[in-house]
Amino acid sequence: MSLSRWILVPAAALLLAVTAAPASAQSPAAQGSLDRLAGEQLQLAEQARRLDRLLGALEQRDRASGNEARAELLAGARARLATAGSRGDLAAVLESVASELSSERAGAALSAQSDVIQLLQEVLNFLLQQEMQEQVQALRAAAAARRQALEDFARRQEQLLQRTQELRASPDGKSNGGDARSDAPAEAQADAQAEARADAQAQAPDEAQAEAEARGAAQAGERRDGDSQTPQEQAEQQDIAGGQRELNEALRQFSEEDERSGQDPRATERAAQAGEQAAEALAPEAGEQREPGQQSDPQQQEPQPGDAGQREQEQRESAQQPRQQQQQQEQQQQRGGAPRNNQERLEEAEQKQQEALDELRKAAQEARRQEEQLEQMQRMQDLLDVAAEAQALLERHLRVQEPLAALMQQYEDQALPRPERVRMRQWSEEERAIGAAAAELNLEVLERGADTVPFLLSTLRQDHERFGKRLGPPDYRADLGQKLLGEQIAHNWTQLIDALKAEAERLRQQMQQQQQQQGQQQQQPEEEPPLVSLAAELELLKRMEQDQRDRMHALAQRRALLAQRGFALDEDDMEELDDLVERQAQLRRLYEMILERLKEQPAENPEKSEGV
């Protein structure tokens, strides 16, 4: 069981319990009902503390075991629960809800409970995303291991094939090797055939039997000539057969594992079957290997002089030899045809080994394609995860921006009352917290490789910090400049989210095209691709440059209007102007750096130069 599941269940249960409570709190019938709901909230607060202790214990265990990645994941979940609101951690907020209910302030309790529900949903989504990432990473690791195993099998099969080819091409194994040798063996074979025929005629008047013996002797001579090998070559052939059998057994086990894991085992099964046929051709059964010796043993054919009984026995055996030979030939035909010499067996083994190698190469290519698809799925999931986190930060900002705009409209050119200044102080803290979260997100993106996205996140962090600083004491600014800055922040978040989703959609379409072109060779990337392609970064960069120009133009217009009224830009506006000038220079350097990266890419890869 993965680590996330240890905490998904209690977190989800806590979320369901908190969600169910407001339905009863909306119309309390009496003080007893409110007290009961307050007691339930206190119980939920205790569950929240147990959840925090569970997260802490699992975090310590992972740090002790060296699993820093999961420890940081748990620390992040604890940090989110610890910032449930201005009143403290999640348990403290739930206790405050109980206090509000006991004081018959159901409206305030519902508002706080709504924030708790949203926080628990964010934590649950965060853990679910991590769970999905772990699953994809596990699939990628399994796919890489499977591809590596298939490539190793193919390499072993190729080595065995090369050894078989070298053995067949050896001086005694060539197809024309018999012609290259002297004619003495052929003459000896002819003499042996003549002697066999004469002996048969002298010992048995049956001409049909003599002809059958002559044919048997001729076939035996042919087998002896085709099976001519040195001891070293015989040992090499047996060693190749043994290596082929080991590979076949490994392929059978691999096919069984594939079938258990849901993979298609047919390619490795075909490779194993072809390999078994090759091994059988390289080292046939002992009975087949003994046939030539049985037919050509001179001690079994020559009669012993002076022994009439022995001669009669040998005549009977000689008469049975044609029938035995015919039976052996029929058995050989049942096993695959007429008796073959060693040269033919080597040719068959080479053919079957080539078939096995082709199947393994196809299987390795398919495994590589699956691995690349999983890598693209991981990239697409990373993009969607970053987009989801950016969307959550945007929504947090809008919960400040929208009431701020209403507040400006209500108290236009008027001093803000104290309750509203308290709200603005809370908004200030929230905006600074959003800026800190943007900085954390920026670190994640930097680890995944990108240039423009981190730059945009860095500018958003600065803008949130400036926006929050102006909202809080001592300024409590709620003017047109703040409104424009808040709108610009929302626009930048939306722009980033759209770019990430567009890049994820591009990857999805690319995966779909690759699935339709499964037969084509896919090129393995030499290194891990960045989170966002260069084309997407360039498109985002152009939008950012346009936004920078618009902001500088708006600030210049504001400066001109203030100058007409005899005022100058204040310290905050001058700081913003300096930041905009510096950002413009950074954008120019970033643009030049991306162009250099684009020039370094292969010209034959059109995908990198496409627009988003």
Foldseek 3Di string as FASTA:
>chain_A
DDPLVVLLVLLVVLLVLLVVLLVQLPDPPDLVSLLVSLVSLLVSLVSLVVSLVVLVVVLVVCVVVVNNVVNVLSVVLSVLQQPLDPQGGLSSLSNVLSVCSNVVNSVVSVVSSVSSSVSSVVSSVSSVLVVVLVVLVVVLVVLVVVLVVLVVLLVLLVVLLVLLVVLCPDLLNDPCNLVVDDCVLVVVLVVVLVVQLVVCVVQPVPNVLSVLLSVLSNVLSVQCSLQDDDPVSLVSLLVSLVSLVVSLVVLVVVLVVCVVVVHHSVLSPLLSVLSVLLSCLSPPDPVLVCVSVVSHVVVLQDFDPPDVVSSVVSSVVSSCVSVVVVVVQVVVVVVPHGRDHSSVSSVSSSVSSVSSSVSSVLVSQLSVLVSVLSLLVSLLSVLVVLLVLLVVLLVLLCVLLVVLVVVCVVQPVHDDDPVVLVVLLSNLVSLLVSLVVLVVSLVVQVVQDDDQVSLLSNVLSVLSNLLSVCCHPPNVDSDPVSNVSSVVSSVSSVLSSVLSVVQSVVSVVVSVVCVVVVVDGDDDDPDRDGSGFLQSSVVSLVVVLVVLVVVLVVLVVVQVVQVVVVHGDDPSSVVVNVVSVVVNVVSVVSVVVSVVVVVPDDPVDCVRNDHD
